[in-house]
Amino acid sequence: MIDQIIEWAPIIGLMLGAGVLAGFAAGLFGIGGGFVVVPALFVMLPLLGGSEAELAHVAIGTSLATIVVTSLRSMQAHARRGAVDFVLLKQWAPYIVVGSIAGVLFASLVSSSVLAIIFGVGVILMAIHFLYPILKSMKLGEDIPAGGGRMAIATGLGASSSLLGIGGGTVAIIVMTLYGRSIHRAIGTASGIGVIIAVPSAIGYAIIGLGVHGLPVGSLGYVNVIAALSIVAMSSFSAPWGAAAAHHLNPEWMKRIFGVYLLFIGAIMIRNGLTA
């Protein structure tokens, strides 16, 4: 028993640390924390055994499971400051869910290496935004599109996020600020979007992974319960810290550091996908 505790302690410690960073990032930037969690899981999940052929699917599915709690905690913290647009969430929710399910179905058709490359490309695109926010000062209209525009934006957001294992916050924030929403309200609302994306996506990854061989210990389909619980245990505490920082500090310099981190992670994921 003592030997098992000693063996598992470093793994759990790494997962708890990833949870702290993911939660803080979720609160500060309005993202679901997936850009932190997925790369961390690529390092930690092999320690739980399983086949490398299923690694990307488990990492992304597990990340989405953690985002359910991380984004919910972040949304609650922002809502207490009146920074969540619940009307917009209600309008976007059906299309986000449809897009999320479509993303999961696509993920079930591709290999782990392809999924890793998709994640890497998505991360690099986000890095460019953090480093060179050329859209920051632009404005496309006074209000967010309705009708077909709303359907296209929300469906695409759900699909892309479920493929990347993220809460979709960065894209949602860009859209909302382009159409006149304040940055604080955009960040708060984006955390709610993360919840809507993560719930059907996590369930979907668990379902499509049922019966798959070579999964890490403690996996329910493509969701690793051990990793998810360890990360959530800390992210649920640190998400409100990030939300408080977003309202009291100027996070511009942190965005630059985060952008460099994303470039590094994106390059590694693409390389791993190409050499797998």
Protein backbone atom coordinates (compact mmCIF):
# COMPACT_ATOMS: atom_id res chain seq x y z
CA MET A 1 0.00 0.00 0.00
CA ILE A 2 2.78 2.44 0.95
CA ASP A 3 4.64 1.56 -2.25
CA GLN A 4 1.52 2.34 -4.30
CA ILE A 5 1.08 5.71 -2.56
CA ILE A 6 4.72 6.60 -3.24
CA GLU A 7 4.34 5.52 -6.89
CA TRP A 8 1.18 7.56 -7.47
CA ALA A 9 2.14 10.66 -5.47
CA PRO A 10 4.23 12.39 -8.20
CA ILE A 11 1.51 11.75 -10.82
CA ILE A 12 -1.25 13.16 -8.61
CA GLY A 13 0.98 16.10 -7.69
CA LEU A 14 1.51 16.97 -11.38
CA MET A 15 -2.22 16.76 -12.02
CA LEU A 16 -3.02 18.98 -9.05
CA GLY A 17 -0.50 21.54 -10.31
CA ALA A 18 -2.07 21.46 -13.78
CA GLY A 19 -5.42 22.06 -12.12
CA VAL A 20 -4.19 25.22 -10.38
CA LEU A 21 -2.85 26.67 -13.65
CA ALA A 22 -5.91 25.65 -15.65
CA GLY A 23 -8.32 27.19 -13.17
CA PHE A 24 -6.41 30.46 -12.92
CA ALA A 25 -6.17 30.72 -16.72
CA ALA A 26 -9.89 30.01 -17.03
CA GLY A 27 -10.77 32.83 -14.67
CA LEU A 28 -8.23 35.33 -16.00
CA PHE A 29 -8.76 34.89 -19.74
CA GLY A 30 -12.28 33.45 -19.87
CA ILE A 31 -10.98 30.20 -21.39
CA GLY A 32 -11.86 26.72 -20.20
CA GLY A 33 -8.30 25.81 -19.26
CA GLY A 34 -7.90 23.22 -22.01
CA PHE A 35 -4.81 24.86 -23.47
CA VAL A 36 -3.11 24.06 -20.16
CA VAL A 37 -4.78 20.74 -19.37
CA VAL A 38 -4.39 18.95 -22.73
CA PRO A 39 -0.57 19.37 -22.99
CA ALA A 40 -0.23 18.41 -19.33
CA LEU A 41 -2.25 15.26 -19.91
CA PHE A 42 -0.03 14.29 -22.84
CA VAL A 43 2.80 14.13 -20.31
CA MET A 44 0.90 12.57 -17.42
CA LEU A 45 -1.48 10.05 -18.98
CA PRO A 46 1.29 7.67 -20.15
CA LEU A 47 2.19 7.32 -16.48
CA LEU A 48 -1.23 5.69 -16.02
CA GLY A 49 -0.54 3.18 -18.80
CA GLY A 50 -2.49 2.74 -22.00
CA SER A 51 -1.71 2.92 -25.69
CA GLU A 52 -0.17 5.95 -27.36
CA ALA A 53 -2.68 5.44 -30.17
CA GLU A 54 -5.48 6.62 -27.87
CA LEU A 55 -3.56 9.35 -26.05
CA ALA A 56 -4.93 12.42 -27.85
CA HIS A 57 -8.54 11.30 -27.56
CA VAL A 58 -8.20 10.64 -23.82
CA ALA A 59 -6.37 13.93 -23.23
CA ILE A 60 -9.02 15.97 -25.03
CA GLY A 61 -11.97 14.08 -23.55
CA THR A 62 -10.54 14.41 -20.04
CA SER A 63 -9.81 18.10 -20.57
CA LEU A 64 -13.43 18.72 -21.55
CA ALA A 65 -14.59 16.91 -18.40
CA THR A 66 -12.48 19.23 -16.24
CA ILE A 67 -13.79 22.28 -18.11
CA VAL A 68 -17.33 21.52 -16.91
CA VAL A 69 -16.31 22.39 -13.35
CA THR A 70 -13.62 24.96 -14.15
CA SER A 71 -15.87 27.04 -16.39
CA LEU A 72 -18.81 26.72 -14.01
CA ARG A 73 -16.75 28.06 -11.12
CA SER A 74 -15.39 30.84 -13.31
CA MET A 75 -18.90 31.76 -14.51
CA GLN A 76 -20.18 31.92 -10.94
CA ALA A 77 -17.35 34.25 -9.96
CA HIS A 78 -18.01 36.56 -12.93
CA ALA A 79 -21.78 36.42 -12.41
CA ARG A 80 -21.37 37.80 -8.90
CA ARG A 81 -19.85 40.87 -10.59
CA GLY A 82 -22.70 41.09 -13.11
CA ALA A 83 -20.41 40.20 -16.02
CA VAL A 84 -22.32 37.26 -17.57
CA ASP A 85 -24.83 37.76 -20.40
CA PHE A 86 -27.29 34.96 -19.70
CA VAL A 87 -29.58 36.05 -22.55
CA LEU A 88 -26.78 35.44 -25.06
CA LEU A 89 -25.99 32.07 -23.47
CA LYS A 90 -29.61 31.01 -23.87
CA GLN A 91 -29.65 32.10 -27.53
CA TRP A 92 -26.39 30.37 -28.42
CA ALA A 93 -26.81 27.17 -26.37
CA PRO A 94 -28.74 24.97 -28.90
CA TYR A 95 -26.27 25.70 -31.71
CA ILE A 96 -23.24 25.21 -29.45
CA VAL A 97 -24.53 21.79 -28.38
CA VAL A 98 -25.12 20.71 -32.00
CA GLY A 99 -21.62 21.86 -32.96
CA SER A 100 -20.05 20.11 -29.98
CA ILE A 101 -21.69 16.80 -30.88
CA ALA A 102 -20.54 17.18 -34.49
CA GLY A 103 -16.97 17.78 -33.28
CA VAL A 104 -17.04 14.64 -31.13
CA LEU A 105 -18.34 12.55 -34.03
CA PHE A 106 -15.53 13.85 -36.25
CA ALA A 107 -12.99 13.04 -33.52
CA SER A 108 -14.27 9.45 -33.48
CA LEU A 109 -13.30 9.12 -37.15
CA VAL A 110 -9.70 10.35 -36.98
CA SER A 111 -6.52 8.97 -35.42
CA SER A 112 -4.77 10.26 -32.34
CA SER A 113 -1.97 11.75 -34.46
CA VAL A 114 -4.44 13.72 -36.61
CA LEU A 115 -6.19 14.97 -33.49
CA ALA A 116 -2.83 16.09 -32.05
CA ILE A 117 -2.06 18.04 -35.23
CA ILE A 118 -5.50 19.70 -35.16
CA PHE A 119 -4.87 20.71 -31.55
CA GLY A 120 -1.42 22.08 -32.40
CA VAL A 121 -2.72 24.20 -35.27
CA GLY A 122 -5.54 25.55 -33.12
CA VAL A 123 -3.12 26.42 -30.33
CA ILE A 124 -0.82 28.32 -32.68
CA LEU A 125 -3.74 30.34 -34.04
CA MET A 126 -4.68 31.26 -30.49
CA ALA A 127 -1.05 32.14 -29.73
CA ILE A 128 -0.99 34.60 -32.62
CA HIS A 129 -4.09 36.25 -31.19
CA PHE A 130 -2.55 36.59 -27.73
CA LEU A 131 0.73 37.94 -29.10
CA TYR A 132 -0.68 40.15 -31.86
CA PRO A 133 -4.26 41.07 -30.97
CA ILE A 134 -4.92 42.83 -34.29
CA LEU A 135 -8.68 42.47 -33.78
CA LYS A 136 -8.59 44.19 -30.41
CA SER A 137 -9.42 47.68 -31.67
CA MET A 138 -11.80 46.58 -34.45
CA LYS A 139 -15.57 46.79 -34.27
CA LEU A 140 -17.92 45.09 -36.73
CA GLY A 141 -21.25 46.20 -35.32
CA GLU A 142 -23.31 47.37 -32.39
CA ASP A 143 -24.78 43.96 -31.56
CA ILE A 144 -23.97 40.29 -32.05
CA PRO A 145 -25.53 38.81 -35.23
CA ALA A 146 -28.84 36.98 -35.01
CA GLY A 147 -30.38 34.39 -37.34
CA GLY A 148 -27.93 32.60 -39.64
CA GLY A 149 -24.95 34.53 -38.30
CA ARG A 150 -25.68 33.43 -34.76
CA MET A 151 -26.13 29.82 -35.87
CA ALA A 152 -22.85 29.78 -37.81
CA ILE A 153 -20.82 31.38 -35.02
CA ALA A 154 -22.19 29.23 -32.20
CA THR A 155 -22.14 25.94 -34.14
CA GLY A 156 -18.58 26.51 -35.34
CA LEU A 157 -17.52 27.45 -31.82
CA GLY A 158 -18.93 24.22 -30.40
CA ALA A 159 -17.40 22.02 -33.10
CA SER A 160 -13.90 23.50 -32.97
CA SER A 161 -13.80 23.53 -29.17
CA SER A 162 -14.83 19.89 -28.83
CA LEU A 163 -12.02 18.94 -31.22
CA LEU A 164 -9.42 20.95 -29.29
CA GLY A 165 -10.59 20.05 -25.78
CA ILE A 166 -11.12 23.71 -24.85
CA GLY A 167 -13.96 25.85 -23.58
CA GLY A 168 -14.01 28.12 -26.63
CA GLY A 169 -13.49 31.24 -24.55
CA THR A 170 -10.88 32.95 -26.72
CA VAL A 171 -12.97 32.83 -29.91
CA ALA A 172 -16.12 33.81 -28.03
CA ILE A 173 -14.36 36.81 -26.50
CA ILE A 174 -13.10 37.94 -29.92
CA VAL A 175 -16.62 37.76 -31.37
CA MET A 176 -18.25 39.57 -28.47
CA THR A 177 -15.71 42.40 -28.37
CA LEU A 178 -15.93 42.86 -32.16
CA TYR A 179 -19.63 43.51 -31.66
CA GLY A 180 -19.33 46.05 -28.90
CA ARG A 181 -19.33 44.02 -25.67
CA SER A 182 -16.92 45.12 -22.95
CA ILE A 183 -13.92 42.87 -22.35
CA HIS A 184 -14.98 42.04 -18.78
CA ARG A 185 -18.50 41.09 -19.87
CA ALA A 186 -17.08 39.09 -22.77
CA ILE A 187 -14.75 37.16 -20.44
CA GLY A 188 -17.54 36.43 -17.98
CA THR A 189 -19.95 35.27 -20.67
CA ALA A 190 -17.25 33.15 -22.32
CA SER A 191 -16.90 31.14 -19.13
CA GLY A 192 -20.59 30.23 -19.43
CA ILE A 193 -20.06 29.19 -23.04
CA GLY A 194 -17.35 26.83 -21.77
CA VAL A 195 -19.91 25.02 -19.63
CA ILE A 196 -22.31 24.60 -22.56
CA ILE A 197 -19.52 23.21 -24.76
CA ALA A 198 -17.94 20.93 -22.18
CA VAL A 199 -21.00 19.03 -20.91
CA PRO A 200 -22.14 17.40 -24.20
CA SER A 201 -18.56 17.08 -25.43
CA ALA A 202 -17.31 15.24 -22.33
CA ILE A 203 -20.30 12.91 -22.42
CA GLY A 204 -19.69 12.31 -26.10
CA TYR A 205 -16.01 11.42 -25.62
CA ALA A 206 -16.94 9.04 -22.82
CA ILE A 207 -19.45 7.30 -25.10
CA ILE A 208 -17.28 6.98 -28.22
CA GLY A 209 -14.44 5.58 -26.11
CA LEU A 210 -16.49 2.82 -24.47
CA GLY A 211 -15.06 -0.59 -25.27
CA VAL A 212 -11.84 0.81 -26.71
CA HIS A 213 -8.76 -1.17 -25.64
CA GLY A 214 -5.50 0.34 -24.44
CA LEU A 215 -6.91 3.19 -22.34
CA PRO A 216 -5.08 4.48 -19.23
CA VAL A 217 -6.04 3.16 -15.80
CA GLY A 218 -9.20 4.82 -14.48
CA SER A 219 -10.71 5.72 -17.84
CA LEU A 220 -14.43 5.88 -18.63
CA GLY A 221 -14.33 5.83 -22.38
CA TYR A 222 -12.06 8.68 -23.47
CA VAL A 223 -12.41 10.44 -20.10
CA ASN A 224 -9.82 9.55 -17.47
CA VAL A 225 -11.61 9.90 -14.14
CA ILE A 226 -8.42 9.91 -12.03
CA ALA A 227 -6.90 12.79 -13.98
CA ALA A 228 -10.17 14.71 -14.20
CA LEU A 229 -10.85 14.56 -10.46
CA SER A 230 -7.26 15.53 -9.59
CA ILE A 231 -7.29 18.56 -11.88
CA VAL A 232 -10.78 19.68 -10.89
CA ALA A 233 -9.88 19.45 -7.20
CA MET A 234 -7.55 22.43 -7.66
CA SER A 235 -9.03 24.28 -10.66
CA SER A 236 -12.31 24.81 -8.83
CA PHE A 237 -10.38 26.81 -6.24
CA SER A 238 -8.07 28.72 -8.56
CA ALA A 239 -10.66 29.79 -11.18
CA PRO A 240 -12.11 32.51 -8.89
CA TRP A 241 -8.56 33.79 -8.28
CA GLY A 242 -8.15 34.30 -12.02
CA ALA A 243 -11.56 35.96 -12.27
CA ALA A 244 -10.62 38.38 -9.48
CA ALA A 245 -7.32 39.15 -11.22
CA ALA A 246 -9.16 39.86 -14.47
CA HIS A 247 -11.22 42.56 -12.75
CA HIS A 248 -8.41 44.17 -10.75
CA LEU A 249 -5.28 43.83 -12.89
CA ASN A 250 -4.20 44.67 -16.40
CA PRO A 251 -3.50 41.20 -17.85
CA GLU A 252 -1.81 42.36 -21.06
CA TRP A 253 1.68 41.25 -20.06
CA MET A 254 0.31 37.88 -18.92
CA LYS A 255 -1.34 37.43 -22.32
CA ARG A 256 2.05 37.87 -24.01
CA ILE A 257 3.63 35.22 -21.80
CA PHE A 258 0.67 32.92 -22.40
CA GLY A 259 1.02 33.49 -26.16
CA VAL A 260 4.66 32.37 -26.13
CA TYR A 261 3.65 29.31 -24.12
CA LEU A 262 0.96 28.47 -26.69
CA LEU A 263 3.42 28.76 -29.59
CA PHE A 264 5.76 26.32 -27.86
CA ILE A 265 2.98 23.85 -27.06
CA GLY A 266 1.48 24.08 -30.55
CA ALA A 267 4.81 23.30 -32.19
CA ILE A 268 5.38 20.29 -29.94
CA MET A 269 1.89 18.90 -30.57
CA ILE A 270 2.25 19.22 -34.35
CA ARG A 271 5.66 17.54 -34.22
CA ASN A 272 4.25 14.70 -32.08
CA GLY A 273 1.37 14.24 -34.47
CA LEU A 274 3.62 14.11 -37.53
CA THR A 275 6.09 11.66 -35.98
CA ALA A 276 3.57 9.38 -34.27
